[in-house]
Each structure stands twice: as structure tokens, then as C-alpha cells.
């Protein structure tokens, strides 16, 4: 989903309705404390819809303390994301996945946090997982495509940068090869382009006098 689309749906959005999910993820597990935790989490969702993220986070935390559940961690992750607390969002998404490794929403939440942190390559792996499990979820497919383009862009820029550096080094070596040594330079010189013991002894004495080695020899 683009940032513009997110803003459009911002007020009506709830953590449970805004990420792709497979059909097997919404079956509640029987637990005597689950109903109480679900009620607390539902109140957190109401605060989330009102953009009161601090209150939502507090209630998701209470729900987790009552009966830990991957859904509450994923919801709290989304609330942290809305506050631009991407590190906390990532941590909660990790915890949700640790509780249920097949929980698609948690991977989506983690991918969003990773992208916000500029970790596109890792985000792409999560989005690929989500896209494969939810092939009909347009938002997941769009996010995957967007992230893949970013990963490719970064890889291309890195390759261009390496090529530029290689050319710069090559040019420097070529310049040194044809660099002339001034007539008044009487410092250490390489013998046939090789570093010898005599060269090193002369170099030490040269440095003691606060002199500089000619660049023709310094970069070889």
C-alpha cells in the first residue's frame, strides 16, 4: 500500500484488518484467559482506530501479559510503526513470528519495519513469503514489487560505485606511472621499482628530518 493510500484509510483501519492473512490464521485457541485478553486487545483496537497509539500499545501490552498471543504482538508492532518507533515495531514482529512461525501478518509487519529502517534485502524475504501465501492480496503484491525494485536499485548503485572506484584507482596508478620526479628531489628512491633494505633505511632517516616521500614512490 502506498503512503497516500495508507493515509486515506488511516482512520478506519484496525491492526487486524490492514495486513494480509491466510485462512488458517484466525482460529482462536482455547484458553481460560484468552477471552479476557481478547477483550483487552479489542479495546486496544478501538484506541488504534482513534489514532491513540500510546493507549493502544498499553492495552496490547496488558493483553500480552494476560495471555501472550502472536496477534497482540503483531498489533502492538503496528502501533509502534504508526509512532515511527521502527525498532520496537521490528522487535514485536519478531516476537509474533517466534510464537507462530506461519503467522503471515507478522511477516508483513516485520517487512514494513525493515523497509522503514532501510533494510530492504531482509524485508524482501519477508514480503516474498507473504506474497506466496497470499497471492490475491494486492497490497502484499504491490509491496513486494516496490521492495524488489528498491533492492535492485541499491544493487545497481553499488555496482556503479565499485566501477567508479576501480576506475579512479586505475587512473591514479596510470598517473603515477608517468609522474615525473623533480630534479631537486634528493629523497629515497625505489631501485627498479622494488623496496629494498637500503631504501627502508634511507626512508627512516628521511622521515626523521620531517621530509615527505615523493608520491611516485609513496603509492607503489
Protein backbone atom coordinates (compact mmCIF):
# COMPACT_ATOMS: atom_id res chain seq x y z
CA UNK A 1 0.00 0.00 0.00
CA UNK A 2 1.38 3.42 -0.85
CA UNK A 3 1.78 6.08 1.83
CA UNK A 4 -1.06 8.06 0.24
CA UNK A 5 -3.39 5.08 0.40
CA UNK A 6 -2.41 4.41 3.98
CA UNK A 7 -3.33 7.95 4.94
CA UNK A 8 -6.68 7.67 3.17
CA UNK A 9 -7.62 4.58 5.16
CA UNK A 10 -5.91 5.70 8.32
CA UNK A 11 -8.93 6.44 10.49
CA UNK A 12 -10.97 3.36 9.68
CA UNK A 13 -8.05 0.97 9.74
CA UNK A 14 -7.56 -1.59 12.51
CA UNK A 15 -4.44 -3.68 13.11
CA UNK A 16 -6.29 -6.93 12.38
CA UNK A 17 -7.78 -5.71 9.10
CA UNK A 18 -4.82 -3.99 7.43
CA UNK A 19 -2.46 -6.85 6.67
CA UNK A 20 -2.89 -9.96 4.52
CA UNK A 21 -3.78 -13.17 6.31
CA UNK A 22 -4.18 -16.76 5.28
CA UNK A 23 -7.43 -18.54 6.10
CA UNK A 24 -5.89 -20.69 8.84
CA UNK A 25 -4.67 -17.77 10.95
CA UNK A 26 -7.90 -16.55 12.51
CA UNK A 27 -8.88 -19.64 14.51
CA UNK A 28 -8.70 -18.77 18.25
CA UNK A 29 -7.09 -21.27 20.58
CA UNK A 30 -8.97 -22.41 23.67
CA UNK A 31 -7.55 -20.84 26.80
CA UNK A 32 -9.32 -19.75 30.01
CA UNK A 33 -7.60 -16.35 29.87
CA UNK A 34 -7.97 -15.90 26.14
CA UNK A 35 -11.42 -14.28 26.32
CA UNK A 36 -10.16 -11.69 28.81
CA UNK A 37 -7.06 -10.95 26.73
CA UNK A 38 -9.18 -10.68 23.57
CA UNK A 39 -11.45 -8.16 25.27
CA UNK A 40 -8.43 -6.06 26.29
CA UNK A 41 -6.96 -6.34 22.80
CA UNK A 42 -10.29 -5.26 21.26
CA UNK A 43 -10.19 -2.10 23.40
CA UNK A 44 -6.69 -1.53 22.13
CA UNK A 45 -8.00 -1.77 18.57
CA UNK A 46 -10.55 0.93 19.32
CA UNK A 47 -7.81 3.27 20.53
CA UNK A 48 -5.78 2.40 17.45
CA UNK A 49 -8.67 3.43 15.16
CA UNK A 50 -8.76 6.76 17.02
CA UNK A 51 -5.01 7.14 16.38
CA UNK A 52 -4.36 7.00 20.14
CA UNK A 53 -1.36 4.77 19.77
CA UNK A 54 0.08 5.13 23.28
CA UNK A 55 -3.19 3.87 24.80
CA UNK A 56 -3.41 1.12 22.20
CA UNK A 57 0.13 -0.02 22.99
CA UNK A 58 -0.64 -0.05 26.72
CA UNK A 59 -3.69 -2.27 26.17
CA UNK A 60 -1.87 -4.63 23.79
CA UNK A 61 0.83 -4.93 26.44
CA UNK A 62 -1.80 -5.74 29.06
CA UNK A 63 -3.33 -8.34 26.74
CA UNK A 64 0.10 -9.92 26.23
CA UNK A 65 0.67 -10.05 29.97
CA UNK A 66 -2.77 -11.64 30.45
CA UNK A 67 -2.40 -14.27 27.74
CA UNK A 68 0.53 -13.99 25.30
CA UNK A 69 -0.59 -14.27 21.71
CA UNK A 70 1.09 -13.55 18.39
CA UNK A 71 -1.84 -11.32 17.34
CA UNK A 72 -1.25 -8.89 20.21
CA UNK A 73 2.46 -8.65 19.37
CA UNK A 74 1.65 -8.00 15.71
CA UNK A 75 -0.91 -5.34 16.65
CA UNK A 76 1.49 -3.67 19.05
CA UNK A 77 4.12 -3.78 16.30
CA UNK A 78 1.76 -1.87 14.01
CA UNK A 79 1.03 0.71 16.72
CA UNK A 80 4.77 1.25 17.23
CA UNK A 81 5.14 1.57 13.46
CA UNK A 82 2.49 4.31 13.40
CA UNK A 83 4.53 6.17 16.00
CA UNK A 84 7.62 5.73 13.81
CA UNK A 85 9.22 3.62 16.53
CA UNK A 86 10.52 1.19 13.93
CA UNK A 87 12.94 -0.63 16.22
CA UNK A 88 10.12 -1.53 18.63
CA UNK A 89 7.90 -2.45 15.69
CA UNK A 90 10.57 -4.83 14.42
CA UNK A 91 11.08 -6.37 17.86
CA UNK A 92 7.36 -7.08 18.33
CA UNK A 93 7.05 -8.56 14.85
CA UNK A 94 9.96 -10.87 15.67
CA UNK A 95 8.20 -11.95 18.85
CA UNK A 96 4.98 -12.66 16.95
CA UNK A 97 6.87 -14.83 14.47
CA UNK A 98 8.68 -16.60 17.30
CA UNK A 99 5.29 -17.53 18.76
CA UNK A 100 3.85 -18.64 15.42
CA UNK A 101 6.26 -19.06 12.53
CA UNK A 102 3.44 -19.27 9.96
CA UNK A 103 1.74 -16.04 11.02
CA UNK A 104 1.64 -14.08 7.75
CA UNK A 105 0.64 -10.74 9.27
CA UNK A 106 3.71 -10.75 11.47
CA UNK A 107 5.98 -11.14 8.44
CA UNK A 108 4.17 -8.24 6.81
CA UNK A 109 4.63 -6.12 9.93
CA UNK A 110 8.29 -7.04 10.12
CA UNK A 111 8.82 -6.23 6.44
CA UNK A 112 7.28 -2.79 6.94
CA UNK A 113 9.59 -2.08 9.88
CA UNK A 114 12.64 -3.35 7.99
CA UNK A 115 11.83 -1.14 5.00
CA UNK A 116 11.44 1.87 7.27
CA UNK A 117 14.87 1.07 8.71
CA UNK A 118 16.35 0.82 5.22
CA UNK A 119 16.95 -2.94 5.43
CA UNK A 120 15.33 -3.71 2.10
CA UNK A 121 17.01 -7.03 1.36
CA UNK A 122 15.70 -8.63 4.56
CA UNK A 123 12.30 -7.02 4.04
CA UNK A 124 12.15 -8.54 0.58
CA UNK A 125 12.49 -12.06 2.00
CA UNK A 126 9.52 -11.46 4.32
CA UNK A 127 7.42 -9.92 1.58
CA UNK A 128 8.17 -12.82 -0.73
CA UNK A 129 6.88 -15.16 1.98
CA UNK A 130 3.70 -13.08 2.33
CA UNK A 131 3.17 -12.74 -1.43
CA UNK A 132 3.40 -16.50 -1.94
CA UNK A 133 0.96 -17.26 0.89
CA UNK A 134 -1.47 -14.53 -0.15
CA UNK A 135 -1.33 -14.35 -3.95
CA UNK A 136 -4.65 -12.48 -4.14
CA UNK A 137 -3.64 -9.75 -1.66
CA UNK A 138 -2.91 -6.76 -3.91
CA UNK A 139 -1.29 -4.75 -1.12
CA UNK A 140 1.19 -7.55 -0.39
CA UNK A 141 1.98 -8.00 -4.09
CA UNK A 142 2.48 -4.26 -4.58
CA UNK A 143 4.71 -4.01 -1.52
CA UNK A 144 6.79 -6.94 -2.72
CA UNK A 145 7.23 -5.33 -6.15
CA UNK A 146 8.14 -1.98 -4.57
CA UNK A 147 10.72 -3.55 -2.27
CA UNK A 148 12.22 -5.65 -5.06
CA UNK A 149 12.70 -2.52 -7.18
CA UNK A 150 14.44 -0.84 -4.26
CA UNK A 151 16.78 -3.82 -3.71
CA UNK A 152 17.67 -3.85 -7.42
CA UNK A 153 18.23 -0.07 -7.40
CA UNK A 154 20.59 -0.31 -4.43
CA UNK A 155 22.49 -3.20 -6.04
CA UNK A 156 22.83 -1.22 -9.28
CA UNK A 157 24.09 1.90 -7.47
CA UNK A 158 26.58 -0.20 -5.51
CA UNK A 159 27.90 -1.78 -8.71
CA UNK A 160 28.28 1.64 -10.34
CA UNK A 161 30.12 2.91 -7.25
CA UNK A 162 32.56 -0.03 -7.31
CA UNK A 163 33.24 0.52 -11.01
CA UNK A 164 33.89 4.21 -10.35
CA UNK A 165 36.32 3.37 -7.54
CA UNK A 166 38.13 0.85 -9.73
CA UNK A 167 38.47 3.42 -12.49
CA UNK A 168 39.75 6.01 -10.00
CA UNK A 169 42.41 3.63 -8.69
CA UNK A 170 43.37 2.67 -12.24
CA UNK A 171 43.72 6.32 -13.21
CA UNK A 172 45.83 7.08 -10.13
CA UNK A 173 48.19 4.21 -10.94
CA UNK A 174 48.42 5.37 -14.54
CA UNK A 175 49.18 8.94 -13.41
CA UNK A 176 51.89 7.72 -11.05
CA UNK A 177 53.45 5.66 -13.78
CA UNK A 178 54.02 8.78 -15.84
CA UNK A 179 54.67 11.14 -12.93
CA UNK A 180 57.97 12.93 -13.21
CA UNK A 181 60.38 13.22 -10.31
CA UNK A 182 61.60 16.76 -9.80
CA UNK A 183 65.31 17.43 -10.29
CA UNK A 184 65.65 18.87 -6.79
CA UNK A 185 64.22 15.75 -5.09
CA UNK A 186 67.02 14.00 -3.22
CA UNK A 187 65.00 11.66 -1.03
CA UNK A 188 64.66 7.85 -1.03
CA UNK A 189 64.05 6.19 -4.39
CA UNK A 190 62.99 2.70 -5.32
CA UNK A 191 65.51 0.54 -7.08
CA UNK A 192 63.93 -0.84 -10.24
CA UNK A 193 60.51 -0.35 -8.66
CA UNK A 194 61.36 -2.57 -5.67
CA UNK A 195 61.53 -1.85 -1.93
CA UNK A 196 64.99 -2.77 -0.67
CA UNK A 197 66.60 -2.72 2.76
CA UNK A 198 68.71 0.25 1.74
CA UNK A 199 65.54 2.07 0.64
CA UNK A 200 63.91 1.48 4.05
CA UNK A 201 66.97 2.72 5.95
CA UNK A 202 67.12 5.84 3.84
CA UNK A 203 63.37 6.32 4.26
CA UNK A 204 63.59 6.22 8.07
CA UNK A 205 66.31 8.86 8.10
CA UNK A 206 64.29 10.92 5.62
CA UNK A 207 61.20 10.84 7.85
CA UNK A 208 63.25 11.78 10.93
CA UNK A 209 64.04 15.03 9.17
CA UNK A 210 60.27 15.67 8.68
CA UNK A 211 60.56 15.21 4.94
CA UNK A 212 57.93 13.71 2.64
CA UNK A 213 58.39 10.76 0.33
CA UNK A 214 57.71 11.53 -3.32
CA UNK A 215 54.21 10.44 -4.36
CA UNK A 216 55.70 8.39 -7.17
CA UNK A 217 57.07 6.03 -4.51
CA UNK A 218 54.52 6.52 -1.74
CA UNK A 219 51.64 4.84 -3.61
CA UNK A 220 53.54 1.97 -5.18
